[in-house]
Structures are given as structure tokens and as C-alpha cells.
Amino acid sequence: MHPLISILIPVYNAEKWLSETLQSAVEQTWPRKEIIVVDDGSTDGSLTVAHQFESSILRIVANEHEGKTFTVNRALRESQGDYVQYLDADDILAPDKLSIQVERLMSEPANTIATCSWSRFYNDDLRTAEFSQQADFRDYLSPIEWLIQEWGGRATMPPVAWLIPRKVVELAGPWNESLSLNDDTEYFTRIVLNSGKIAFCANARSFYRSGNVSLSGRRTRVALESFYTVCEMSTQHILRFEDSERVRQACANLWQHFIHWVYPEAPDLIRSAEAKVDSFGGASLKLSGSRGFEVAKGVVGWKAVRRLQGLRLKLGR
């Protein structure tokens, strides 16, 4: 019998995009799937949209507003699948994405997790997605190598790209409900460290929608503290797995990424993060950006450029 795949979709005020996301889940070519939609107390028409897709394979659960990580954990508890696909309410799966990944995983050891080709798309237009080769578009026989590479180059693999056996999900434990900003970094650090191999499926595709959330809306003090905690917990996780020079360099790079992202806000958190970077022996990560950013950085330094970017953000320009 075909294994069951659980597609878990947390929803909060996603009326504008939800129909397209649910359609992509329903149209998955894999024959055995369940779709669990958990609404996190939406105040728009998200629930109305979701009910239009309700069926024998798509179930809807309504929560009070508790936050995304609580909502994802609720979906996980409601699910029964042998494999888990996390799907944000504005992202898209190619129709054969899950079929390609699960067929690969069925031929691999039971603790193998799968990634796929993915691309950002903009202005709600899938035609803007460009599937260029990325450094992590390959297999990893040693998953910790993936973490070291990601933290060193700030490449990323969004939740929509993964397919995870339930065995690995159970070993990793639930999403941390005390976290908000960047909670997926902490969670997938645990997922990767509890896996035995990462299998990249080049022909499977997923689409990550960019531009929906205001950056200023995510830079509250609570959000920045969450990001700090994510870095702290993630480095603790990897050091318990391996405490070596290469891992400590990766930890320094993760903290340096925090500094780059937060600066010039929260100077107390930045000072603490700088001390972390020093304690791990210094970071190799450099802040990079557009051509204009690189030119300005070369003239006045990255901190001055980040201060200017922050000012423009506050002025709404």
C-alpha cells in the first residue's frame, strides 16, 4: 500500500493566497494524502476559502489565535501520515512534488529526509520563479554538513521544500511554541540532526512566495528576542552533536548573521551576539547584497548602509 502523506497548513489571515495553496495541495499526484488545515483565529475570509475545499482528504480545524508554532503543532497532532509536508498558507507545490520525493525516500534508509528544487516568486506571479542552481541542491550523506554550509553561506531551505518521515519528526520533537521570528531555523536544526541523510530531488519543485510580510512588522523587540533565542538554541543543538572547530565556526557565522540582520536595533542583543562570535573564534560570514549595496558597503562600511536601510524602512520609502 502507498504510504500516507500529511500536508499540514497553518492559516492566519491568508484569504488572498489560500485558494492557490490549497489547490496545489489537492492536486498532488500522490494517491494517498491527507490535508490538515488549522486556522489560527483568522479575522478575514480564510475559513470561508478553506471550507470551499473541504473533502474526504481535506480537514479543517479552527483554533483561537495562538500563534504559528502552536498552530503547526496542532496540525501535527491531528495528522496520521507516514511522511510530513509543512506548507505555509501562501506557498505552492508543483503537482508531482510529493510523488517524486516520496518515491525517492521509499528507496532510502528510513531516517532520510528529502529536499527539492525551490524558488522565490514575486508579485503573486509564479512566472517570476527562477530555478537556478544553489549550493545545497545536492545529497548530503552527513546532514551536519548541510547545517555547516547553510550557516556559513546563509543559503536557506524553506519548509515548503522538505518532505520528512514521521520517524524523524517524532525524534526531533514538536515546534518550540515560545518562538516567533525564525522559528523554522531552530526546528529544522533538530530535524536535520535527527536524520541520517538528506536526499535532494532535483525534479521536484516548490514555490516560496516573497513580499507578503512587512519587514518592519517583524522587527518588534519580542521578535528580535525570539531570533536571539533561536540562535542560542540552534548552536546548543549542533554542539551537542559535534563540538569541533568546524562546528564552532558555523556557530559563529549563525551569530554573525543575527548581528547583520538586527543591526542597528537592540544594541544589547548585538553586544551579546558579538561576544558569542568571539567565544567561537570569530566568523567568516560577510554581509552581501545587491550591486548597489556592495558599492555603498565598500565606501562607508556595512553598518552605515544598514543604518540607512533602517531609516528608509521607518520612513516607508
C-alpha atoms as a PDB file:
ATOM      1  CA  MET A   1       0.000   0.000   0.000  1.00  0.00           C
ATOM      2  CA  HIS A   2       1.173   3.533  -0.718  1.00  0.00           C
ATOM      3  CA  PRO A   3       2.341   5.414   2.399  1.00  0.00           C
ATOM      4  CA  LEU A   4       0.174   8.294   3.594  1.00  0.00           C
ATOM      5  CA  ILE A   5       1.492  11.855   3.292  1.00  0.00           C
ATOM      6  CA  SER A   6       0.208  14.538   5.674  1.00  0.00           C
ATOM      7  CA  ILE A   7       0.177  18.065   4.255  1.00  0.00           C
ATOM      8  CA  LEU A   8      -0.016  20.464   7.209  1.00  0.00           C
ATOM      9  CA  ILE A   9      -1.194  24.024   6.523  1.00  0.00           C
ATOM     10  CA  PRO A  10      -1.331  26.626   9.325  1.00  0.00           C
ATOM     11  CA  VAL A  11      -3.503  29.586   8.322  1.00  0.00           C
ATOM     12  CA  TYR A  12      -3.768  33.099   9.670  1.00  0.00           C
ATOM     13  CA  ASN A  13      -5.387  35.846   7.573  1.00  0.00           C
ATOM     14  CA  ALA A  14      -4.276  34.314   4.285  1.00  0.00           C
ATOM     15  CA  GLU A  15      -7.511  34.780   2.339  1.00  0.00           C
ATOM     16  CA  LYS A  16      -5.741  36.376  -0.625  1.00  0.00           C
ATOM     17  CA  TRP A  17      -3.434  33.399  -1.279  1.00  0.00           C
ATOM     18  CA  LEU A  18      -5.051  30.393   0.391  1.00  0.00           C
ATOM     19  CA  SER A  19      -7.083  29.148  -2.554  1.00  0.00           C
ATOM     20  CA  GLU A  20      -3.990  28.765  -4.743  1.00  0.00           C
ATOM     21  CA  THR A  21      -2.110  26.997  -1.951  1.00  0.00           C
ATOM     22  CA  LEU A  22      -4.937  24.564  -1.206  1.00  0.00           C
ATOM     23  CA  GLN A  23      -5.391  23.849  -4.903  1.00  0.00           C
ATOM     24  CA  SER A  24      -1.731  22.895  -5.163  1.00  0.00           C
ATOM     25  CA  ALA A  25      -2.135  20.525  -2.197  1.00  0.00           C
ATOM     26  CA  VAL A  26      -5.317  18.909  -3.514  1.00  0.00           C
ATOM     27  CA  GLU A  27      -3.785  18.401  -6.964  1.00  0.00           C
ATOM     28  CA  GLN A  28      -0.780  16.448  -5.692  1.00  0.00           C
ATOM     29  CA  THR A  29      -0.456  13.349  -7.839  1.00  0.00           C
ATOM     30  CA  TRP A  30       0.491  11.082  -4.927  1.00  0.00           C
ATOM     31  CA  PRO A  31      -2.588   8.861  -4.385  1.00  0.00           C
ATOM     32  CA  ARG A  32      -2.656   8.757  -0.558  1.00  0.00           C
ATOM     33  CA  LYS A  33      -2.652  12.122   1.184  1.00  0.00           C
ATOM     34  CA  GLU A  34      -4.428  13.970   3.943  1.00  0.00           C
ATOM     35  CA  ILE A  35      -4.533  17.742   4.147  1.00  0.00           C
ATOM     36  CA  ILE A  36      -4.891  19.266   7.607  1.00  0.00           C
ATOM     37  CA  VAL A  37      -5.776  22.964   7.603  1.00  0.00           C
ATOM     38  CA  VAL A  38      -5.614  24.636  11.012  1.00  0.00           C
ATOM     39  CA  ASP A  39      -6.958  28.180  11.138  1.00  0.00           C
ATOM     40  CA  ASP A  40      -5.328  30.293  13.841  1.00  0.00           C
ATOM     41  CA  GLY A  41      -8.283  32.576  14.581  1.00  0.00           C
ATOM     42  CA  SER A  42      -8.241  34.396  11.231  1.00  0.00           C
ATOM     43  CA  THR A  43     -10.255  37.610  11.090  1.00  0.00           C
ATOM     44  CA  ASP A  44     -10.545  37.667   7.283  1.00  0.00           C
ATOM     45  CA  GLY A  45     -12.237  35.182   4.957  1.00  0.00           C
ATOM     46  CA  SER A  46      -9.639  32.429   5.274  1.00  0.00           C
ATOM     47  CA  LEU A  47     -12.040  29.934   6.829  1.00  0.00           C
ATOM     48  CA  THR A  48     -14.600  30.562   4.114  1.00  0.00           C
ATOM     49  CA  VAL A  49     -11.976  29.839   1.464  1.00  0.00           C
ATOM     50  CA  ALA A  50     -10.834  26.687   3.270  1.00  0.00           C
ATOM     51  CA  HIS A  51     -14.376  25.307   3.547  1.00  0.00           C
ATOM     52  CA  GLN A  52     -14.691  25.509  -0.236  1.00  0.00           C
ATOM     53  CA  PHE A  53     -12.014  22.780  -0.420  1.00  0.00           C
ATOM     54  CA  GLU A  54     -13.311  20.577   2.418  1.00  0.00           C
ATOM     55  CA  SER A  55     -13.477  16.937   1.365  1.00  0.00           C
ATOM     56  CA  SER A  56     -12.655  13.405   2.409  1.00  0.00           C
ATOM     57  CA  ILE A  57      -8.935  14.256   2.174  1.00  0.00           C
ATOM     58  CA  LEU A  58      -9.012  17.854   3.443  1.00  0.00           C
ATOM     59  CA  ARG A  59      -9.980  18.515   7.051  1.00  0.00           C
ATOM     60  CA  ILE A  60     -10.294  21.902   8.755  1.00  0.00           C
ATOM     61  CA  VAL A  61      -9.592  22.664  12.418  1.00  0.00           C
ATOM     62  CA  ALA A  62     -10.315  26.081  13.935  1.00  0.00           C
ATOM     63  CA  ASN A  63      -8.199  27.485  16.799  1.00  0.00           C
ATOM     64  CA  GLU A  64      -8.331  30.628  18.824  1.00  0.00           C
ATOM     65  CA  HIS A  65      -5.396  32.850  17.840  1.00  0.00           C
ATOM     66  CA  GLU A  66      -2.391  31.137  19.441  1.00  0.00           C
ATOM     67  CA  GLY A  67       0.460  31.794  17.016  1.00  0.00           C
ATOM     68  CA  LYS A  68       2.012  29.864  14.167  1.00  0.00           C
ATOM     69  CA  THR A  69       4.100  27.332  16.095  1.00  0.00           C
ATOM     70  CA  PHE A  70       1.112  26.338  18.257  1.00  0.00           C
ATOM     71  CA  THR A  71      -0.959  26.002  15.089  1.00  0.00           C
ATOM     72  CA  VAL A  72       1.624  23.837  13.311  1.00  0.00           C
ATOM     73  CA  ASN A  73       1.883  21.574  16.358  1.00  0.00           C
ATOM     74  CA  ARG A  74      -1.906  21.249  16.407  1.00  0.00           C
ATOM     75  CA  ALA A  75      -1.856  20.186  12.754  1.00  0.00           C
ATOM     76  CA  LEU A  76       0.914  17.700  13.519  1.00  0.00           C
ATOM     77  CA  ARG A  77      -1.104  16.160  16.374  1.00  0.00           C
ATOM     78  CA  GLU A  78      -4.133  15.827  14.103  1.00  0.00           C
ATOM     79  CA  SER A  79      -2.171  14.083  11.336  1.00  0.00           C
ATOM     80  CA  GLN A  80      -1.599  10.374  10.724  1.00  0.00           C
ATOM     81  CA  GLY A  81       0.775  10.347   7.762  1.00  0.00           C
ATOM     82  CA  ASP A  82       3.938   8.335   7.309  1.00  0.00           C
ATOM     83  CA  TYR A  83       5.529  11.475   5.839  1.00  0.00           C
ATOM     84  CA  VAL A  84       5.022  15.130   6.731  1.00  0.00           C
ATOM     85  CA  GLN A  85       4.901  18.114   4.375  1.00  0.00           C
ATOM     86  CA  TYR A  86       4.764  21.556   6.012  1.00  0.00           C
ATOM     87  CA  LEU A  87       3.073  24.077   3.745  1.00  0.00           C
ATOM     88  CA  ASP A  88       2.636  27.751   4.594  1.00  0.00           C
ATOM     89  CA  ALA A  89      -0.693  29.192   3.517  1.00  0.00           C
ATOM     90  CA  ASP A  90       0.846  31.259   0.715  1.00  0.00           C
ATOM     91  CA  ASP A  91       3.360  28.800  -0.763  1.00  0.00           C
ATOM     92  CA  ILE A  92       2.832  26.442  -3.697  1.00  0.00           C
ATOM     93  CA  LEU A  93       3.713  22.824  -4.512  1.00  0.00           C
ATOM     94  CA  ALA A  94       4.254  21.621  -8.070  1.00  0.00           C
ATOM     95  CA  PRO A  95       1.736  18.806  -8.770  1.00  0.00           C
ATOM     96  CA  ASP A  96       4.303  15.982  -8.689  1.00  0.00           C
ATOM     97  CA  LYS A  97       6.447  17.393  -5.887  1.00  0.00           C
ATOM     98  CA  LEU A  98       5.422  14.865  -3.265  1.00  0.00           C
ATOM     99  CA  SER A  99       5.322  11.890  -5.641  1.00  0.00           C
ATOM    100  CA  ILE A 100       8.923  12.476  -6.685  1.00  0.00           C
ATOM    101  CA  GLN A 101      10.147  12.924  -3.112  1.00  0.00           C
ATOM    102  CA  VAL A 102       8.311  10.014  -1.506  1.00  0.00           C
ATOM    103  CA  GLU A 103       9.353   7.624  -4.267  1.00  0.00           C
ATOM    104  CA  ARG A 104      12.975   8.601  -3.572  1.00  0.00           C
ATOM    105  CA  LEU A 105      12.554   8.233   0.190  1.00  0.00           C
ATOM    106  CA  MET A 106      10.977   4.785  -0.143  1.00  0.00           C
ATOM    107  CA  SER A 107      14.264   3.571  -1.623  1.00  0.00           C
ATOM    108  CA  GLU A 108      16.420   5.195   1.078  1.00  0.00           C
ATOM    109  CA  PRO A 109      17.092   4.379   4.753  1.00  0.00           C
ATOM    110  CA  ALA A 110      14.121   5.180   6.990  1.00  0.00           C
ATOM    111  CA  ASN A 111      15.766   8.234   8.576  1.00  0.00           C
ATOM    112  CA  THR A 112      16.435  10.011   5.262  1.00  0.00           C
ATOM    113  CA  ILE A 113      14.775  13.390   4.700  1.00  0.00           C
ATOM    114  CA  ALA A 114      14.130  14.935   1.282  1.00  0.00           C
ATOM    115  CA  THR A 115      14.637  18.398  -0.177  1.00  0.00           C
ATOM    116  CA  CYS A 116      13.788  19.689  -3.638  1.00  0.00           C
ATOM    117  CA  SER A 117      14.379  22.495  -6.097  1.00  0.00           C
ATOM    118  CA  TRP A 118      12.677  25.669  -4.932  1.00  0.00           C
ATOM    119  CA  SER A 119      12.425  29.279  -5.996  1.00  0.00           C
ATOM    120  CA  ARG A 120      11.017  32.530  -4.727  1.00  0.00           C
ATOM    121  CA  PHE A 121       8.269  34.151  -6.722  1.00  0.00           C
ATOM    122  CA  TYR A 122       7.141  37.763  -6.547  1.00  0.00           C
ATOM    123  CA  ASN A 123       4.013  39.855  -7.044  1.00  0.00           C
ATOM    124  CA  ASP A 124       1.859  36.709  -6.731  1.00  0.00           C
ATOM    125  CA  ASP A 125       3.124  35.563 -10.132  1.00  0.00           C
ATOM    126  CA  LEU A 126       4.594  32.065 -10.454  1.00  0.00           C
ATOM    127  CA  ARG A 127       6.186  33.090 -13.736  1.00  0.00           C
ATOM    128  CA  THR A 128       8.718  35.152 -11.766  1.00  0.00           C
ATOM    129  CA  ALA A 129      10.197  31.978 -10.194  1.00  0.00           C
ATOM    130  CA  GLU A 130      13.677  31.165 -11.482  1.00  0.00           C
ATOM    131  CA  PHE A 131      15.076  27.752 -10.590  1.00  0.00           C
ATOM    132  CA  SER A 132      18.794  28.483 -10.612  1.00  0.00           C
ATOM    133  CA  GLN A 133      21.306  26.045  -9.148  1.00  0.00           C
ATOM    134  CA  GLN A 134      22.056  26.573  -5.454  1.00  0.00           C
ATOM    135  CA  ALA A 135      24.891  25.239  -3.319  1.00  0.00           C
ATOM    136  CA  ASP A 136      22.606  22.972  -1.286  1.00  0.00           C
ATOM    137  CA  PHE A 137      20.890  21.401  -4.317  1.00  0.00           C
ATOM    138  CA  ARG A 138      22.581  18.044  -3.717  1.00  0.00           C
ATOM    139  CA  ASP A 139      22.555  14.999  -1.471  1.00  0.00           C
ATOM    140  CA  TYR A 140      24.235  15.044   1.938  1.00  0.00           C
ATOM    141  CA  LEU A 141      25.428  11.744   3.392  1.00  0.00           C
ATOM    142  CA  SER A 142      26.298  13.612   6.595  1.00  0.00           C
ATOM    143  CA  PRO A 143      23.432  16.002   7.453  1.00  0.00           C
ATOM    144  CA  ILE A 144      25.591  18.109   9.776  1.00  0.00           C
ATOM    145  CA  GLU A 145      27.486  19.156   6.645  1.00  0.00           C
ATOM    146  CA  TRP A 146      24.266  20.749   5.428  1.00  0.00           C
ATOM    147  CA  LEU A 147      23.963  22.851   8.594  1.00  0.00           C
ATOM    148  CA  ILE A 148      27.599  23.934   8.442  1.00  0.00           C
ATOM    149  CA  GLN A 149      27.163  25.019   4.830  1.00  0.00           C
ATOM    150  CA  GLU A 150      23.846  26.813   5.417  1.00  0.00           C
ATOM    151  CA  TRP A 151      25.123  28.760   8.409  1.00  0.00           C
ATOM    152  CA  GLY A 152      28.358  29.646   6.633  1.00  0.00           C
ATOM    153  CA  GLY A 153      26.790  30.974   3.457  1.00  0.00           C
ATOM    154  CA  ARG A 154      23.317  31.878   4.665  1.00  0.00           C
ATOM    155  CA  ALA A 155      21.756  29.741   1.991  1.00  0.00           C
ATOM    156  CA  THR A 156      18.297  28.663   3.048  1.00  0.00           C
ATOM    157  CA  MET A 157      15.799  25.882   2.502  1.00  0.00           C
ATOM    158  CA  PRO A 158      12.217  26.921   3.338  1.00  0.00           C
ATOM    159  CA  PRO A 159       9.790  24.458   4.979  1.00  0.00           C
ATOM    160  CA  VAL A 160       7.888  24.012   1.695  1.00  0.00           C
ATOM    161  CA  ALA A 161      10.912  22.263   0.152  1.00  0.00           C
ATOM    162  CA  TRP A 162      11.123  19.394   2.658  1.00  0.00           C
ATOM    163  CA  LEU A 163       9.423  16.022   2.995  1.00  0.00           C
ATOM    164  CA  ILE A 164      10.113  14.326   6.320  1.00  0.00           C
ATOM    165  CA  PRO A 165       9.421  10.781   7.550  1.00  0.00           C
ATOM    166  CA  ARG A 166       7.302  10.759  10.697  1.00  0.00           C
ATOM    167  CA  LYS A 167      10.041   8.792  12.443  1.00  0.00           C
ATOM    168  CA  VAL A 168      12.381  11.776  12.128  1.00  0.00           C
ATOM    169  CA  VAL A 169       9.621  14.234  13.100  1.00  0.00           C
ATOM    170  CA  GLU A 170       8.982  12.266  16.291  1.00  0.00           C
ATOM    171  CA  LEU A 171      12.684  12.081  17.145  1.00  0.00           C
ATOM    172  CA  ALA A 172      13.093  15.839  16.649  1.00  0.00           C
ATOM    173  CA  GLY A 173      10.094  16.758  18.784  1.00  0.00           C
ATOM    174  CA  PRO A 174       7.467  19.488  18.260  1.00  0.00           C
ATOM    175  CA  TRP A 175       7.945  23.075  17.150  1.00  0.00           C
ATOM    176  CA  ASN A 176       9.015  25.358  20.020  1.00  0.00           C
ATOM    177  CA  GLU A 177       5.920  27.397  20.855  1.00  0.00           C
ATOM    178  CA  SER A 178       7.888  30.081  22.718  1.00  0.00           C
ATOM    179  CA  LEU A 179       9.481  31.211  19.442  1.00  0.00           C
ATOM    180  CA  SER A 180       8.112  33.509  16.751  1.00  0.00           C
ATOM    181  CA  LEU A 181      10.650  35.026  14.351  1.00  0.00           C
ATOM    182  CA  ASN A 182      12.905  32.459  12.617  1.00  0.00           C
ATOM    183  CA  ASP A 183      11.368  29.524  14.499  1.00  0.00           C
ATOM    184  CA  ASP A 184      11.888  27.286  11.450  1.00  0.00           C
ATOM    185  CA  THR A 185      15.703  27.564  11.813  1.00  0.00           C
ATOM    186  CA  GLU A 186      15.567  26.052  15.298  1.00  0.00           C
ATOM    187  CA  TYR A 187      13.078  23.363  14.274  1.00  0.00           C
ATOM    188  CA  PHE A 188      14.898  22.257  11.145  1.00  0.00           C
ATOM    189  CA  THR A 189      18.211  22.200  13.006  1.00  0.00           C
ATOM    190  CA  ARG A 190      16.660  19.450  15.122  1.00  0.00           C
ATOM    191  CA  ILE A 191      15.127  17.730  12.096  1.00  0.00           C
ATOM    192  CA  VAL A 192      18.459  17.630  10.261  1.00  0.00           C
ATOM    193  CA  LEU A 193      20.419  16.431  13.302  1.00  0.00           C
ATOM    194  CA  ASN A 194      17.928  13.597  13.833  1.00  0.00           C
ATOM    195  CA  SER A 195      18.188  12.418  10.240  1.00  0.00           C
ATOM    196  CA  GLY A 196      20.750  10.145   8.644  1.00  0.00           C
ATOM    197  CA  LYS A 197      20.851  11.535   5.124  1.00  0.00           C
ATOM    198  CA  ILE A 198      19.449  14.377   3.026  1.00  0.00           C
ATOM    199  CA  ALA A 199      18.187  13.328  -0.401  1.00  0.00           C
ATOM    200  CA  PHE A 200      17.856  16.135  -2.941  1.00  0.00           C
ATOM    201  CA  CYS A 201      15.159  15.600  -5.580  1.00  0.00           C
ATOM    202  CA  ALA A 202      16.052  17.878  -8.472  1.00  0.00           C
ATOM    203  CA  ASN A 203      12.871  17.333 -10.476  1.00  0.00           C
ATOM    204  CA  ALA A 204      10.552  18.080  -7.554  1.00  0.00           C
ATOM    205  CA  ARG A 205       9.668  21.764  -7.298  1.00  0.00           C
ATOM    206  CA  SER A 206       8.157  24.130  -4.753  1.00  0.00           C
ATOM    207  CA  PHE A 207       7.464  27.849  -4.823  1.00  0.00           C
ATOM    208  CA  TYR A 208       8.121  30.270  -1.947  1.00  0.00           C
ATOM    209  CA  ARG A 209       6.067  33.449  -2.081  1.00  0.00           C
ATOM    210  CA  SER A 210       8.085  36.579  -1.218  1.00  0.00           C
ATOM    211  CA  GLY A 211       6.948  40.034  -0.234  1.00  0.00           C
ATOM    212  CA  ASN A 212       3.870  39.369   1.919  1.00  0.00           C
ATOM    213  CA  VAL A 213       5.100  40.294   5.387  1.00  0.00           C
ATOM    214  CA  SER A 214       6.316  43.777   6.205  1.00  0.00           C
ATOM    215  CA  LEU A 215       9.877  43.687   7.483  1.00  0.00           C
ATOM    216  CA  SER A 216       9.092  46.475   9.960  1.00  0.00           C
ATOM    217  CA  GLY A 217       6.216  44.403  11.321  1.00  0.00           C
ATOM    218  CA  ARG A 218       8.636  41.596  12.168  1.00  0.00           C
ATOM    219  CA  ARG A 219      11.220  43.721  13.960  1.00  0.00           C
ATOM    220  CA  THR A 220       9.477  44.131  17.294  1.00  0.00           C
ATOM    221  CA  ARG A 221      11.519  43.605  20.448  1.00  0.00           C
ATOM    222  CA  VAL A 222       9.746  40.289  21.046  1.00  0.00           C
ATOM    223  CA  ALA A 223      10.627  39.146  17.515  1.00  0.00           C
ATOM    224  CA  LEU A 224      14.285  40.111  17.884  1.00  0.00           C
ATOM    225  CA  GLU A 225      14.493  38.305  21.224  1.00  0.00           C
ATOM    226  CA  SER A 226      12.975  35.241  19.557  1.00  0.00           C
ATOM    227  CA  PHE A 227      15.642  35.371  16.842  1.00  0.00           C
ATOM    228  CA  TYR A 228      18.337  35.609  19.542  1.00  0.00           C
ATOM    229  CA  THR A 229      16.881  32.580  21.329  1.00  0.00           C
ATOM    230  CA  VAL A 230      16.750  30.665  18.044  1.00  0.00           C
ATOM    231  CA  CYS A 231      20.488  31.227  17.549  1.00  0.00           C
ATOM    232  CA  GLU A 232      21.208  30.216  21.123  1.00  0.00           C
ATOM    233  CA  MET A 233      19.155  27.021  20.949  1.00  0.00           C
ATOM    234  CA  SER A 234      20.337  26.060  17.466  1.00  0.00           C
ATOM    235  CA  THR A 235      24.008  26.354  18.391  1.00  0.00           C
ATOM    236  CA  GLN A 236      23.389  24.301  21.524  1.00  0.00           C
ATOM    237  CA  HIS A 237      21.734  21.579  19.432  1.00  0.00           C
ATOM    238  CA  ILE A 238      24.601  21.269  16.969  1.00  0.00           C
ATOM    239  CA  LEU A 239      27.324  21.431  19.643  1.00  0.00           C
ATOM    240  CA  ARG A 240      25.717  18.516  21.472  1.00  0.00           C
ATOM    241  CA  PHE A 241      26.009  16.580  18.223  1.00  0.00           C
ATOM    242  CA  GLU A 242      29.602  17.625  17.464  1.00  0.00           C
ATOM    243  CA  ASP A 243      31.858  20.094  19.255  1.00  0.00           C
ATOM    244  CA  SER A 244      34.652  20.733  16.773  1.00  0.00           C
ATOM    245  CA  GLU A 245      36.449  23.649  15.178  1.00  0.00           C
ATOM    246  CA  ARG A 246      34.289  23.491  12.039  1.00  0.00           C
ATOM    247  CA  VAL A 247      31.076  23.454  14.063  1.00  0.00           C
ATOM    248  CA  ARG A 248      32.194  26.338  16.250  1.00  0.00           C
ATOM    249  CA  GLN A 249      32.972  28.312  13.078  1.00  0.00           C
ATOM    250  CA  ALA A 250      29.426  27.572  11.872  1.00  0.00           C
ATOM    251  CA  CYS A 251      28.033  28.745  15.224  1.00  0.00           C
ATOM    252  CA  ALA A 252      29.993  31.988  14.948  1.00  0.00           C
ATOM    253  CA  ASN A 253      28.562  32.502  11.474  1.00  0.00           C
ATOM    254  CA  LEU A 254      24.996  31.993  12.660  1.00  0.00           C
ATOM    255  CA  TRP A 255      25.504  34.625  15.358  1.00  0.00           C
ATOM    256  CA  GLN A 256      27.102  36.944  12.801  1.00  0.00           C
ATOM    257  CA  HIS A 257      24.020  36.557  10.624  1.00  0.00           C
ATOM    258  CA  PHE A 258      21.935  37.620  13.627  1.00  0.00           C
ATOM    259  CA  ILE A 259      24.101  40.738  14.008  1.00  0.00           C
ATOM    260  CA  HIS A 260      23.796  41.592  10.320  1.00  0.00           C
ATOM    261  CA  TRP A 261      20.031  41.208  10.378  1.00  0.00           C
ATOM    262  CA  VAL A 262      19.319  43.036  13.652  1.00  0.00           C
ATOM    263  CA  TYR A 263      21.766  45.951  13.345  1.00  0.00           C
ATOM    264  CA  PRO A 264      21.392  48.777  14.368  1.00  0.00           C
ATOM    265  CA  GLU A 265      18.453  47.843  16.618  1.00  0.00           C
ATOM    266  CA  ALA A 266      18.677  46.108  20.012  1.00  0.00           C
ATOM    267  CA  PRO A 267      22.294  47.105  20.810  1.00  0.00           C
ATOM    268  CA  ASP A 268      22.233  44.976  23.963  1.00  0.00           C
ATOM    269  CA  LEU A 269      21.418  41.848  21.947  1.00  0.00           C
ATOM    270  CA  ILE A 270      24.055  42.778  19.376  1.00  0.00           C
ATOM    271  CA  ARG A 271      26.734  43.164  22.066  1.00  0.00           C
ATOM    272  CA  SER A 272      25.829  39.782  23.469  1.00  0.00           C
ATOM    273  CA  ALA A 273      25.889  38.227  19.993  1.00  0.00           C
ATOM    274  CA  GLU A 274      29.296  39.780  19.283  1.00  0.00           C
ATOM    275  CA  ALA A 275      30.598  38.153  22.450  1.00  0.00           C
ATOM    276  CA  LYS A 276      29.227  34.828  21.188  1.00  0.00           C
ATOM    277  CA  VAL A 277      31.041  35.284  17.868  1.00  0.00           C
ATOM    278  CA  ASP A 278      34.302  35.965  19.730  1.00  0.00           C
ATOM    279  CA  SER A 279      33.809  32.955  22.013  1.00  0.00           C
ATOM    280  CA  PHE A 280      33.513  30.697  18.968  1.00  0.00           C
ATOM    281  CA  GLY A 281      36.711  32.056  17.437  1.00  0.00           C
ATOM    282  CA  GLY A 282      35.320  34.627  15.004  1.00  0.00           C
ATOM    283  CA  ALA A 283      33.032  34.475  11.984  1.00  0.00           C
ATOM    284  CA  SER A 284      33.834  34.110   8.290  1.00  0.00           C
ATOM    285  CA  LEU A 285      30.372  35.242   7.149  1.00  0.00           C
ATOM    286  CA  LYS A 286      30.288  38.548   5.256  1.00  0.00           C
ATOM    287  CA  LEU A 287      27.175  40.616   4.644  1.00  0.00           C
ATOM    288  CA  SER A 288      26.329  40.706   0.952  1.00  0.00           C
ATOM    289  CA  GLY A 289      23.585  42.263  -1.114  1.00  0.00           C
ATOM    290  CA  SER A 290      22.702  43.932  -4.384  1.00  0.00           C
ATOM    291  CA  ARG A 291      25.304  45.605  -6.571  1.00  0.00           C
ATOM    292  CA  GLY A 292      24.343  48.980  -5.114  1.00  0.00           C
ATOM    293  CA  PHE A 293      24.679  47.609  -1.591  1.00  0.00           C
ATOM    294  CA  GLU A 294      28.141  46.226  -2.354  1.00  0.00           C
ATOM    295  CA  VAL A 295      29.304  49.554  -3.780  1.00  0.00           C
ATOM    296  CA  ALA A 296      27.995  51.501  -0.766  1.00  0.00           C
ATOM    297  CA  LYS A 297      29.463  48.946   1.649  1.00  0.00           C
ATOM    298  CA  GLY A 298      32.855  49.372   0.047  1.00  0.00           C
ATOM    299  CA  VAL A 299      32.716  53.129   0.616  1.00  0.00           C
ATOM    300  CA  VAL A 300      31.137  53.549   4.061  1.00  0.00           C
ATOM    301  CA  GLY A 301      31.013  50.016   5.524  1.00  0.00           C
ATOM    302  CA  TRP A 302      28.112  47.655   6.070  1.00  0.00           C
ATOM    303  CA  LYS A 303      26.990  49.224   9.366  1.00  0.00           C
ATOM    304  CA  ALA A 304      26.418  52.635   7.805  1.00  0.00           C
ATOM    305  CA  VAL A 305      24.469  51.046   4.957  1.00  0.00           C
ATOM    306  CA  ARG A 306      22.300  49.083   7.388  1.00  0.00           C
ATOM    307  CA  ARG A 307      21.577  52.249   9.387  1.00  0.00           C
ATOM    308  CA  LEU A 308      20.448  53.959   6.187  1.00  0.00           C
ATOM    309  CA  GLN A 309      18.290  50.993   5.243  1.00  0.00           C
ATOM    310  CA  GLY A 310      16.669  51.085   8.673  1.00  0.00           C
ATOM    311  CA  LEU A 311      15.943  54.788   8.350  1.00  0.00           C
ATOM    312  CA  ARG A 312      14.346  54.286   4.949  1.00  0.00           C
ATOM    313  CA  LEU A 313      12.234  51.472   6.355  1.00  0.00           C
ATOM    314  CA  LYS A 314      10.918  53.683   9.158  1.00  0.00           C
ATOM    315  CA  LEU A 315      10.115  56.440   6.671  1.00  0.00           C
ATOM    316  CA  GLY A 316       8.280  53.957   4.462  1.00  0.00           C
ATOM    317  CA  ARG A 317      10.493  54.538   1.417  1.00  0.00           C
END
